[in-house]
Every structure is written in C-alpha cells, then in structure tokens.
C-alpha cells in the first residue's frame, strides 16, 4: 500500500501539471472532479486567482477571523453589503480597513492553497472552460510557482517560515530561489519560493538541485555547490535538513550569495 503522504504528493504534482498546462489558455475555469465535492480553479491571464470548492467560503471566513482580528459579526456585515452592492468581498474588507491589503493577499493565498489540497484528491479528468467576458479582474493573482509552493507546504504539512528566511538571506531579491522537497519519485516539489521565475524554471532548478545532491550522502553534502551559467550561475546548498537552490542572472548577485554562504561554513 502506498503511504498517504506519498500518494498525496503524487496527486499534488499531477494537479500542478494540469494547472500549468491550462494557464497558457488565458482566462477561464479549470473544473476538477464530479459531484458534490468537485470544484474549480479560476485563472486570469495565466495566473491563479481563486479556487472554489464546497465549504471553501466558510473556511475563508474562519481564516479572516483567526488571522486578521476581525469578529464574525463584522465579516457577516461586510459580506451582506458586498452581496447588496455587487462588490468583491476582499476589496470591501480592505475598504473598511478590516484587513490590510498585504494580510488579505496572504490569507487568499493560504485559502486557495488549502482548497487545492482538497481538489487534488478528486478523481476524473479536469475540464477547461474559457471565460467569455473581459476576465475576472481579481484584486490578487498568484503565479503558479507561489501557488504550487504554498499548496505543497499545506498538503504535506511543511513549516515554511525558516525556509523563507533562508531564501531571503541568500537570494536577497537578486535571483529566483526555492526550497525543495525531494523525497519522492515524482521529482522535486518547491515548498517555498522567492523571486520571479516560471513554473518550468523552478522545476528545472529543482531537477538540478536534486541531481547535484544525489552525488553526496546527506551527511557529507558540502556547504554549497556552484555551476556557472551565462553571466551568473546556479547555487545549491543544504541547511536545516532542507535542500535549496537559486539561479542568479548576474555575477554580482552570485558573488554576494556565495560570500554569505561561505561565512557560515
């Protein structure tokens, strides 16, 4: 019998591939699963803007009340008004100063990721239905790399705060980097990302990190490994039991990152 965590990881990897294939189609809904437990992923201009499933609305209210210090009564009043005015729920929360824009984006990302974890368990072929209007025009949209990383972390119960701090320190806005979970035959899955990169670029980075890491036993992994690419390079390193990788397009960014890693070895 396949362990639950391995099966879930496989389903998540498959879901990301389906969304990645649908994203270039532009704006529309990717319907996943049949019956009462099915749902949809809404994409706008190739980015994920929402995931819908039964009970998802209640979960969003729970998240807002838990993490934004907003009472259920305030949320209920705002929701009733948004229905009356036809205004987006999130924008009304920001307008009323009930939730800060940055906090709301983080809550939407978490909510979408948790919903996708559930949708990944659905059987049946996903169906793409293009949107015939001018687009959903959401306040927040998420790249597939950040959605995939957040969903992986939620689905596999991975704590990401330390990994995000590590990426911020090494990447420092000068590269695309990620922390990878590699314990599967499905290939590496990023569970934390930083910087601007496509889903394919993050997957390629993960493949490279995995390939170089496979040359050493985990206890003998060097402080960092570097490969020259164009005017920059690739860096792989391990810390806190996690594998990291980053792609630098400039020599200056690469040198700064290597100096930071070297000081710790």
Protein backbone atom coordinates (compact mmCIF):
# COMPACT_ATOMS: atom_id res chain seq x y z
CA UNK A 1 0.00 0.00 0.00
CA UNK A 2 1.29 3.47 -0.91
CA UNK A 3 1.79 5.70 2.16
CA UNK A 4 -0.74 8.54 2.42
CA UNK A 5 1.94 11.26 2.22
CA UNK A 6 3.45 9.75 -0.95
CA UNK A 7 0.04 9.39 -2.59
CA UNK A 8 -0.86 12.99 -1.72
CA UNK A 9 2.44 14.25 -3.06
CA UNK A 10 1.84 12.42 -6.32
CA UNK A 11 -1.65 13.91 -6.63
CA UNK A 12 -0.34 17.42 -5.93
CA UNK A 13 2.38 17.05 -8.56
CA UNK A 14 -0.22 15.87 -11.08
CA UNK A 15 -2.54 18.78 -10.24
CA UNK A 16 0.23 21.34 -10.75
CA UNK A 17 1.00 19.84 -14.16
CA UNK A 18 -2.67 20.15 -15.16
CA UNK A 19 -2.88 23.77 -13.99
CA UNK A 20 0.41 24.56 -15.72
CA UNK A 21 -0.95 23.14 -18.97
CA UNK A 22 -4.15 25.20 -18.61
CA UNK A 23 -2.52 28.50 -17.59
CA UNK A 24 -1.37 29.49 -21.11
CA UNK A 25 -5.01 29.27 -22.23
CA UNK A 26 -5.57 32.64 -20.56
CA UNK A 27 -8.73 33.34 -18.57
CA UNK A 28 -11.19 30.66 -17.55
CA UNK A 29 -12.10 27.94 -15.08
CA UNK A 30 -10.46 24.55 -14.69
CA UNK A 31 -13.20 22.27 -13.35
CA UNK A 32 -11.89 19.41 -11.23
CA UNK A 33 -13.86 16.40 -10.02
CA UNK A 34 -17.51 15.42 -10.33
CA UNK A 35 -20.42 15.52 -7.94
CA UNK A 36 -20.81 17.50 -4.71
CA UNK A 37 -17.11 17.50 -3.84
CA UNK A 38 -15.91 18.89 -7.16
CA UNK A 39 -14.63 22.41 -7.62
CA UNK A 40 -12.79 24.77 -9.92
CA UNK A 41 -9.60 26.77 -10.24
CA UNK A 42 -10.07 30.20 -11.79
CA UNK A 43 -7.22 31.58 -13.87
CA UNK A 44 -6.90 35.13 -15.13
CA UNK A 45 -4.32 35.93 -17.80
CA UNK A 46 -2.44 32.74 -16.95
CA UNK A 47 -2.36 33.32 -13.18
CA UNK A 48 -4.38 31.63 -10.46
CA UNK A 49 -6.87 33.96 -8.82
CA UNK A 50 -9.18 31.63 -6.90
CA UNK A 51 -10.01 28.01 -6.08
CA UNK A 52 -13.61 27.11 -5.32
CA UNK A 53 -14.95 24.01 -3.57
CA UNK A 54 -17.81 23.13 -1.21
CA UNK A 55 -17.23 24.73 2.20
CA UNK A 56 -14.44 26.97 0.92
CA UNK A 57 -16.37 30.15 1.73
CA UNK A 58 -16.79 29.17 5.37
CA UNK A 59 -13.10 28.34 5.59
CA UNK A 60 -12.17 31.79 4.22
CA UNK A 61 -14.32 33.45 6.89
CA UNK A 62 -12.60 31.31 9.53
CA UNK A 63 -9.16 32.35 8.29
CA UNK A 64 -10.08 36.04 8.23
CA UNK A 65 -11.47 35.91 11.78
CA UNK A 66 -8.48 33.94 13.08
CA UNK A 67 -5.65 35.89 11.49
CA UNK A 68 -6.99 39.41 10.92
CA UNK A 69 -8.53 40.08 14.34
CA UNK A 70 -11.95 40.62 12.79
CA UNK A 71 -15.13 39.50 14.51
CA UNK A 72 -17.59 37.22 12.75
CA UNK A 73 -20.22 39.92 13.07
CA UNK A 74 -18.03 42.42 11.19
CA UNK A 75 -17.30 39.85 8.49
CA UNK A 76 -21.02 38.96 8.19
CA UNK A 77 -21.99 42.62 7.81
CA UNK A 78 -19.30 43.18 5.17
CA UNK A 79 -20.36 40.04 3.30
CA UNK A 80 -24.03 41.09 3.27
CA UNK A 81 -23.05 44.51 1.94
CA UNK A 82 -20.86 43.04 -0.79
CA UNK A 83 -23.83 40.96 -1.96
CA UNK A 84 -26.06 44.04 -1.94
CA UNK A 85 -23.57 46.23 -3.81
CA UNK A 86 -22.16 43.53 -6.04
CA UNK A 87 -18.69 44.43 -4.77
CA UNK A 88 -15.83 41.91 -4.37
CA UNK A 89 -15.68 40.64 -0.79
CA UNK A 90 -11.95 41.16 -0.35
CA UNK A 91 -11.99 44.70 -1.69
CA UNK A 92 -14.77 45.62 0.72
CA UNK A 93 -12.77 44.26 3.66
CA UNK A 94 -9.82 46.44 2.64
CA UNK A 95 -12.07 49.44 2.00
CA UNK A 96 -13.49 49.10 5.52
CA UNK A 97 -9.94 48.73 6.89
CA UNK A 98 -10.92 45.41 8.46
CA UNK A 99 -7.96 43.70 6.82
CA UNK A 100 -4.72 45.19 5.46
CA UNK A 101 -4.08 44.54 1.73
CA UNK A 102 -0.91 42.51 2.37
CA UNK A 103 -2.57 40.41 5.05
CA UNK A 104 -5.58 39.77 2.83
CA UNK A 105 -3.36 38.59 -0.02
CA UNK A 106 -1.62 36.15 2.33
CA UNK A 107 -4.99 34.85 3.54
CA UNK A 108 -6.25 34.41 -0.03
CA UNK A 109 -3.06 32.52 -0.92
CA UNK A 110 -3.44 30.22 2.07
CA UNK A 111 -7.15 29.70 1.39
CA UNK A 112 -6.55 28.91 -2.28
CA UNK A 113 -3.75 26.50 -1.37
CA UNK A 114 -5.86 24.64 1.20
CA UNK A 115 -8.69 24.36 -1.33
CA UNK A 116 -6.31 22.96 -3.94
CA UNK A 117 -5.12 20.31 -1.49
CA UNK A 118 -8.71 19.07 -1.34
CA UNK A 119 -9.25 19.32 -5.09
CA UNK A 120 -6.10 17.28 -5.70
CA UNK A 121 -7.89 14.31 -4.12
CA UNK A 122 -10.61 14.38 -6.77
CA UNK A 123 -10.71 11.76 -9.49
CA UNK A 124 -11.73 12.37 -13.05
CA UNK A 125 -10.32 14.42 -15.87
CA UNK A 126 -10.10 18.18 -15.38
CA UNK A 127 -12.09 20.25 -17.88
CA UNK A 128 -11.06 23.73 -19.06
CA UNK A 129 -13.88 26.23 -19.73
CA UNK A 130 -12.72 29.59 -21.14
CA UNK A 131 -14.20 32.77 -19.71
CA UNK A 132 -16.16 34.66 -22.36
CA UNK A 133 -16.06 38.07 -20.70
CA UNK A 134 -13.23 40.53 -20.21
CA UNK A 135 -11.69 38.49 -17.39
CA UNK A 136 -12.28 38.14 -13.67
CA UNK A 137 -10.18 41.22 -12.87
CA UNK A 138 -9.29 39.97 -9.38
CA UNK A 139 -7.53 42.18 -6.85
CA UNK A 140 -4.97 39.43 -6.27
CA UNK A 141 -3.49 36.91 -8.65
CA UNK A 142 -0.84 34.32 -7.89
CA UNK A 143 1.88 32.86 -10.07
CA UNK A 144 1.87 29.09 -10.42
CA UNK A 145 5.25 28.75 -8.62
CA UNK A 146 3.94 30.51 -5.47
CA UNK A 147 0.61 28.65 -5.61
CA UNK A 148 2.37 25.30 -6.09
CA UNK A 149 4.82 26.01 -3.27
CA UNK A 150 2.11 27.15 -0.86
CA UNK A 151 -0.10 24.16 -1.75
CA UNK A 152 2.80 21.73 -1.34
CA UNK A 153 3.55 23.16 2.11
CA UNK A 154 -0.12 22.93 3.12
CA UNK A 155 -0.64 19.45 1.68
CA UNK A 156 2.50 17.94 3.18
CA UNK A 157 2.32 19.93 6.45
CA UNK A 158 5.72 21.57 5.90
CA UNK A 159 6.68 24.58 8.01
CA UNK A 160 7.99 27.26 5.65
CA UNK A 161 9.00 30.21 7.85
CA UNK A 162 12.61 29.10 8.32
CA UNK A 163 12.95 28.23 4.61
CA UNK A 164 11.56 31.63 3.59
CA UNK A 165 14.02 33.41 5.91
CA UNK A 166 16.88 31.38 4.42
CA UNK A 167 15.87 32.29 0.88
CA UNK A 168 15.53 35.95 1.81
CA UNK A 169 19.05 35.96 3.27
CA UNK A 170 20.76 34.20 0.36
CA UNK A 171 18.70 35.36 -2.62
CA UNK A 172 18.10 38.90 -1.35
CA UNK A 173 15.97 39.94 -4.34
CA UNK A 174 18.74 39.16 -6.84
CA UNK A 175 17.69 35.69 -8.02
CA UNK A 176 14.96 33.10 -8.25
CA UNK A 177 15.28 30.57 -5.45
CA UNK A 178 13.34 27.78 -3.80
CA UNK A 179 13.40 25.20 -1.03
CA UNK A 180 12.67 21.71 -2.31
CA UNK A 181 11.06 18.54 -1.02
CA UNK A 182 12.77 15.71 -2.91
CA UNK A 183 11.57 12.62 -1.06
CA UNK A 184 9.63 11.06 -3.95
CA UNK A 185 9.92 9.55 -7.40
CA UNK A 186 7.73 12.39 -8.72
CA UNK A 187 10.68 14.75 -8.75
CA UNK A 188 11.37 17.76 -6.53
CA UNK A 189 8.50 19.97 -5.40
CA UNK A 190 9.19 23.51 -4.22
CA UNK A 191 7.55 24.34 -0.89
CA UNK A 192 8.90 27.89 -0.61
CA UNK A 193 9.86 30.23 -3.45
CA UNK A 194 11.33 33.68 -3.83
CA UNK A 195 11.90 35.79 -6.91
CA UNK A 196 10.41 35.90 -10.38
CA UNK A 197 10.50 32.58 -12.25
CA UNK A 198 8.11 30.43 -14.22
CA UNK A 199 6.87 27.06 -13.03
CA UNK A 200 9.09 25.32 -15.60
CA UNK A 201 12.13 27.31 -14.43
CA UNK A 202 11.50 26.35 -10.80
CA UNK A 203 11.08 22.69 -11.80
CA UNK A 204 14.31 22.81 -13.81
CA UNK A 205 16.10 24.36 -10.83
CA UNK A 206 14.74 21.59 -8.60
CA UNK A 207 15.93 18.93 -11.04
CA UNK A 208 19.42 20.41 -10.99
CA UNK A 209 19.50 20.65 -7.19
CA UNK A 210 18.40 17.03 -6.93
CA UNK A 211 20.99 15.85 -9.45
CA UNK A 212 23.93 17.51 -7.69
CA UNK A 213 22.69 16.48 -4.24
CA UNK A 214 22.50 12.84 -5.32
CA UNK A 215 26.30 12.77 -5.65
CA UNK A 216 26.81 13.07 -1.89
CA UNK A 217 25.33 11.33 1.15
CA UNK A 218 23.23 13.89 3.05
CA UNK A 219 25.74 13.98 5.93
CA UNK A 220 28.58 14.76 3.52
CA UNK A 221 26.87 17.45 1.45
CA UNK A 222 29.28 20.39 1.05
CA UNK A 223 28.48 23.92 2.18
CA UNK A 224 27.32 24.84 -1.30
CA UNK A 225 27.70 23.81 -4.95
CA UNK A 226 28.05 26.25 -7.83
CA UNK A 227 27.58 25.93 -11.58
CA UNK A 228 28.39 28.77 -13.98
CA UNK A 229 25.55 29.80 -16.31
CA UNK A 230 25.98 32.76 -18.67
CA UNK A 231 26.87 35.87 -16.69
CA UNK A 232 25.55 34.34 -13.45
CA UNK A 233 25.15 30.85 -12.12
CA UNK A 234 23.28 28.22 -10.12
CA UNK A 235 23.82 27.53 -6.43
CA UNK A 236 22.65 24.55 -4.39
CA UNK A 237 23.01 24.29 -0.64
CA UNK A 238 21.60 22.40 2.30
CA UNK A 239 20.69 23.67 5.74
CA UNK A 240 18.24 22.70 8.44
CA UNK A 241 17.51 19.40 6.71
CA UNK A 242 16.29 21.18 3.53
CA UNK A 243 17.72 21.47 0.05
CA UNK A 244 17.81 24.91 -1.56
CA UNK A 245 18.61 26.20 -4.99
CA UNK A 246 18.89 29.61 -6.65
CA UNK A 247 19.53 30.91 -10.15
CA UNK A 248 21.44 34.19 -10.44
CA UNK A 249 21.47 36.11 -13.71
CA UNK A 250 24.31 38.44 -12.68
CA UNK A 251 27.79 37.80 -11.37
CA UNK A 252 27.40 40.40 -8.62
CA UNK A 253 24.37 38.66 -7.15
CA UNK A 254 26.08 35.29 -7.33
CA UNK A 255 29.23 36.61 -5.62
CA UNK A 256 27.21 38.18 -2.81
CA UNK A 257 25.28 34.94 -2.22
CA UNK A 258 28.46 32.83 -2.20
CA UNK A 259 30.09 35.22 0.28
CA UNK A 260 27.06 34.87 2.54
CA UNK A 261 27.14 31.06 2.35
CA UNK A 262 30.92 30.92 2.78
CA UNK A 263 30.78 32.89 6.02
CA UNK A 264 28.65 30.11 7.51
CA UNK A 265 30.93 27.23 6.56
